[in-house]
Amino acid sequence: MGVPQHRQSKTRVRKRRAMQKLSAPGFTECPQCHKPKMTHRVCPECGYYNAKEVISVE
């Protein structure tokens, strides 16, 4: 098995690892207002999360 000859810099390692995170974030439908929202977040349209009103939206 090959042995690394030199330590890789943080920048080189992070650039390589960043390629795995290029997928788009997941969106789901809000059960209250049926608008798209990011998963595990409060809906920006109606203010509900997990069938409870968290923030009041005018």
N, C-alpha and C. Protein backbone atom coordinates (compact mmCIF):
# COMPACT_ATOMS: atom_id res chain seq x y z
N MET A 1 0.85 -1.18 0.00
CA MET A 1 0.00 0.00 0.00
C MET A 1 0.89 1.24 0.00
N GLY A 2 0.46 2.26 -0.74
CA GLY A 2 1.27 3.47 -0.83
C GLY A 2 1.25 4.28 0.46
N VAL A 3 2.36 4.93 0.70
CA VAL A 3 2.49 5.78 1.89
C VAL A 3 2.62 7.22 1.42
N PRO A 4 1.84 8.17 1.98
CA PRO A 4 1.97 9.56 1.55
C PRO A 4 3.34 10.12 1.91
N GLN A 5 3.95 10.79 0.95
CA GLN A 5 5.28 11.32 1.17
C GLN A 5 5.26 12.68 1.87
N HIS A 6 4.18 13.46 1.62
CA HIS A 6 4.09 14.80 2.20
C HIS A 6 2.68 15.00 2.73
N ARG A 7 2.55 15.86 3.71
CA ARG A 7 1.25 16.18 4.29
C ARG A 7 0.51 17.11 3.34
N GLN A 8 -0.78 16.83 3.10
CA GLN A 8 -1.57 17.69 2.24
C GLN A 8 -2.08 18.88 3.03
N SER A 9 -2.14 20.03 2.36
CA SER A 9 -2.60 21.24 3.03
C SER A 9 -4.11 21.18 3.29
N LYS A 10 -4.58 22.03 4.21
CA LYS A 10 -6.01 22.07 4.53
C LYS A 10 -6.83 22.47 3.31
N THR A 11 -6.29 23.40 2.51
CA THR A 11 -7.01 23.87 1.34
C THR A 11 -7.21 22.75 0.34
N ARG A 12 -6.20 21.95 0.09
CA ARG A 12 -6.29 20.86 -0.88
C ARG A 12 -7.29 19.80 -0.42
N VAL A 13 -7.26 19.51 0.87
CA VAL A 13 -8.18 18.51 1.42
C VAL A 13 -9.61 19.01 1.35
N ARG A 14 -9.83 20.28 1.70
CA ARG A 14 -11.19 20.84 1.71
C ARG A 14 -11.75 20.99 0.29
N LYS A 15 -10.87 21.29 -0.67
CA LYS A 15 -11.34 21.36 -2.05
C LYS A 15 -11.80 19.99 -2.53
N ARG A 16 -11.10 18.96 -2.15
CA ARG A 16 -11.48 17.61 -2.55
C ARG A 16 -12.79 17.19 -1.88
N ARG A 17 -12.94 17.50 -0.60
CA ARG A 17 -14.15 17.11 0.12
C ARG A 17 -15.37 17.93 -0.27
N ALA A 18 -15.16 19.14 -0.79
CA ALA A 18 -16.28 20.01 -1.16
C ALA A 18 -17.04 19.48 -2.37
N MET A 19 -16.40 18.65 -3.17
CA MET A 19 -17.06 18.12 -4.37
C MET A 19 -18.21 17.20 -4.01
N GLN A 20 -18.22 16.62 -2.83
CA GLN A 20 -19.28 15.70 -2.43
C GLN A 20 -20.55 16.45 -2.07
N LYS A 21 -20.48 17.75 -1.80
CA LYS A 21 -21.62 18.52 -1.32
C LYS A 21 -22.23 19.39 -2.41
N LEU A 22 -22.18 18.97 -3.65
CA LEU A 22 -22.68 19.80 -4.73
C LEU A 22 -24.15 19.57 -5.03
N SER A 23 -24.82 18.65 -4.33
CA SER A 23 -26.22 18.39 -4.62
C SER A 23 -27.10 19.50 -4.05
N ALA A 24 -28.24 19.71 -4.65
CA ALA A 24 -29.16 20.76 -4.22
C ALA A 24 -29.86 20.35 -2.93
N PRO A 25 -30.25 21.31 -2.09
CA PRO A 25 -30.95 20.95 -0.87
C PRO A 25 -32.34 20.41 -1.17
N GLY A 26 -32.84 19.57 -0.27
CA GLY A 26 -34.13 18.94 -0.47
C GLY A 26 -35.28 19.84 -0.08
N PHE A 27 -36.30 19.89 -0.92
CA PHE A 27 -37.50 20.67 -0.65
C PHE A 27 -38.68 19.71 -0.50
N THR A 28 -39.58 20.04 0.42
CA THR A 28 -40.81 19.28 0.59
C THR A 28 -41.99 20.25 0.57
N GLU A 29 -43.18 19.69 0.53
CA GLU A 29 -44.39 20.51 0.53
C GLU A 29 -44.83 20.76 1.95
N CYS A 30 -45.16 21.99 2.27
CA CYS A 30 -45.67 22.34 3.59
C CYS A 30 -47.06 21.74 3.76
N PRO A 31 -47.33 21.03 4.85
CA PRO A 31 -48.65 20.43 5.01
C PRO A 31 -49.75 21.45 5.26
N GLN A 32 -49.42 22.66 5.69
CA GLN A 32 -50.44 23.68 5.96
C GLN A 32 -50.81 24.46 4.71
N CYS A 33 -49.81 25.06 4.05
CA CYS A 33 -50.10 25.94 2.92
C CYS A 33 -49.74 25.33 1.56
N HIS A 34 -49.11 24.16 1.56
CA HIS A 34 -48.74 23.42 0.34
C HIS A 34 -47.76 24.16 -0.55
N LYS A 35 -46.95 25.02 0.03
CA LYS A 35 -45.87 25.69 -0.72
C LYS A 35 -44.58 24.91 -0.46
N PRO A 36 -43.59 25.00 -1.35
CA PRO A 36 -42.33 24.30 -1.11
C PRO A 36 -41.54 24.96 0.01
N LYS A 37 -40.94 24.12 0.87
CA LYS A 37 -40.10 24.63 1.96
C LYS A 37 -38.96 23.65 2.17
N MET A 38 -37.88 24.13 2.76
CA MET A 38 -36.76 23.25 3.06
C MET A 38 -37.13 22.34 4.21
N THR A 39 -36.60 21.13 4.20
CA THR A 39 -36.93 20.18 5.25
C THR A 39 -36.34 20.62 6.58
N HIS A 40 -37.04 20.32 7.66
CA HIS A 40 -36.64 20.62 9.04
C HIS A 40 -36.47 22.12 9.28
N ARG A 41 -37.27 22.93 8.59
CA ARG A 41 -37.25 24.38 8.78
C ARG A 41 -38.68 24.87 8.93
N VAL A 42 -38.83 26.05 9.53
CA VAL A 42 -40.14 26.69 9.62
C VAL A 42 -40.52 27.18 8.23
N CYS A 43 -41.78 27.00 7.89
CA CYS A 43 -42.26 27.45 6.58
C CYS A 43 -42.26 28.97 6.54
N PRO A 44 -41.60 29.59 5.57
CA PRO A 44 -41.56 31.06 5.52
C PRO A 44 -42.89 31.67 5.09
N GLU A 45 -43.77 30.88 4.47
CA GLU A 45 -45.05 31.41 3.99
C GLU A 45 -46.09 31.48 5.10
N CYS A 46 -46.21 30.39 5.90
CA CYS A 46 -47.28 30.36 6.91
C CYS A 46 -46.75 30.35 8.34
N GLY A 47 -45.47 30.06 8.56
CA GLY A 47 -44.90 30.11 9.90
C GLY A 47 -45.11 28.85 10.72
N TYR A 48 -45.56 27.77 10.10
CA TYR A 48 -45.80 26.52 10.82
C TYR A 48 -44.59 25.60 10.72
N TYR A 49 -44.39 24.81 11.78
CA TYR A 49 -43.40 23.73 11.79
C TYR A 49 -43.96 22.60 12.64
N ASN A 50 -44.03 21.42 12.08
CA ASN A 50 -44.50 20.23 12.78
C ASN A 50 -45.93 20.43 13.29
N ALA A 51 -46.79 20.99 12.46
CA ALA A 51 -48.21 21.23 12.74
C ALA A 51 -48.44 22.20 13.90
N LYS A 52 -47.47 23.04 14.20
CA LYS A 52 -47.62 24.06 15.24
C LYS A 52 -47.17 25.39 14.68
N GLU A 53 -47.88 26.46 15.05
CA GLU A 53 -47.47 27.79 14.60
C GLU A 53 -46.31 28.26 15.46
N VAL A 54 -45.17 28.49 14.82
CA VAL A 54 -43.95 28.89 15.52
C VAL A 54 -43.79 30.40 15.48
N ILE A 55 -44.00 30.97 14.29
CA ILE A 55 -43.93 32.43 14.14
C ILE A 55 -45.22 32.90 13.49
N SER A 56 -45.63 34.09 13.80
CA SER A 56 -46.83 34.64 13.17
C SER A 56 -46.42 35.43 11.94
N VAL A 57 -46.98 35.05 10.81
CA VAL A 57 -46.70 35.71 9.54
C VAL A 57 -47.93 36.50 9.13
N GLU A 58 -47.74 37.76 8.81
CA GLU A 58 -48.86 38.63 8.44
C GLU A 58 -49.22 38.46 6.97
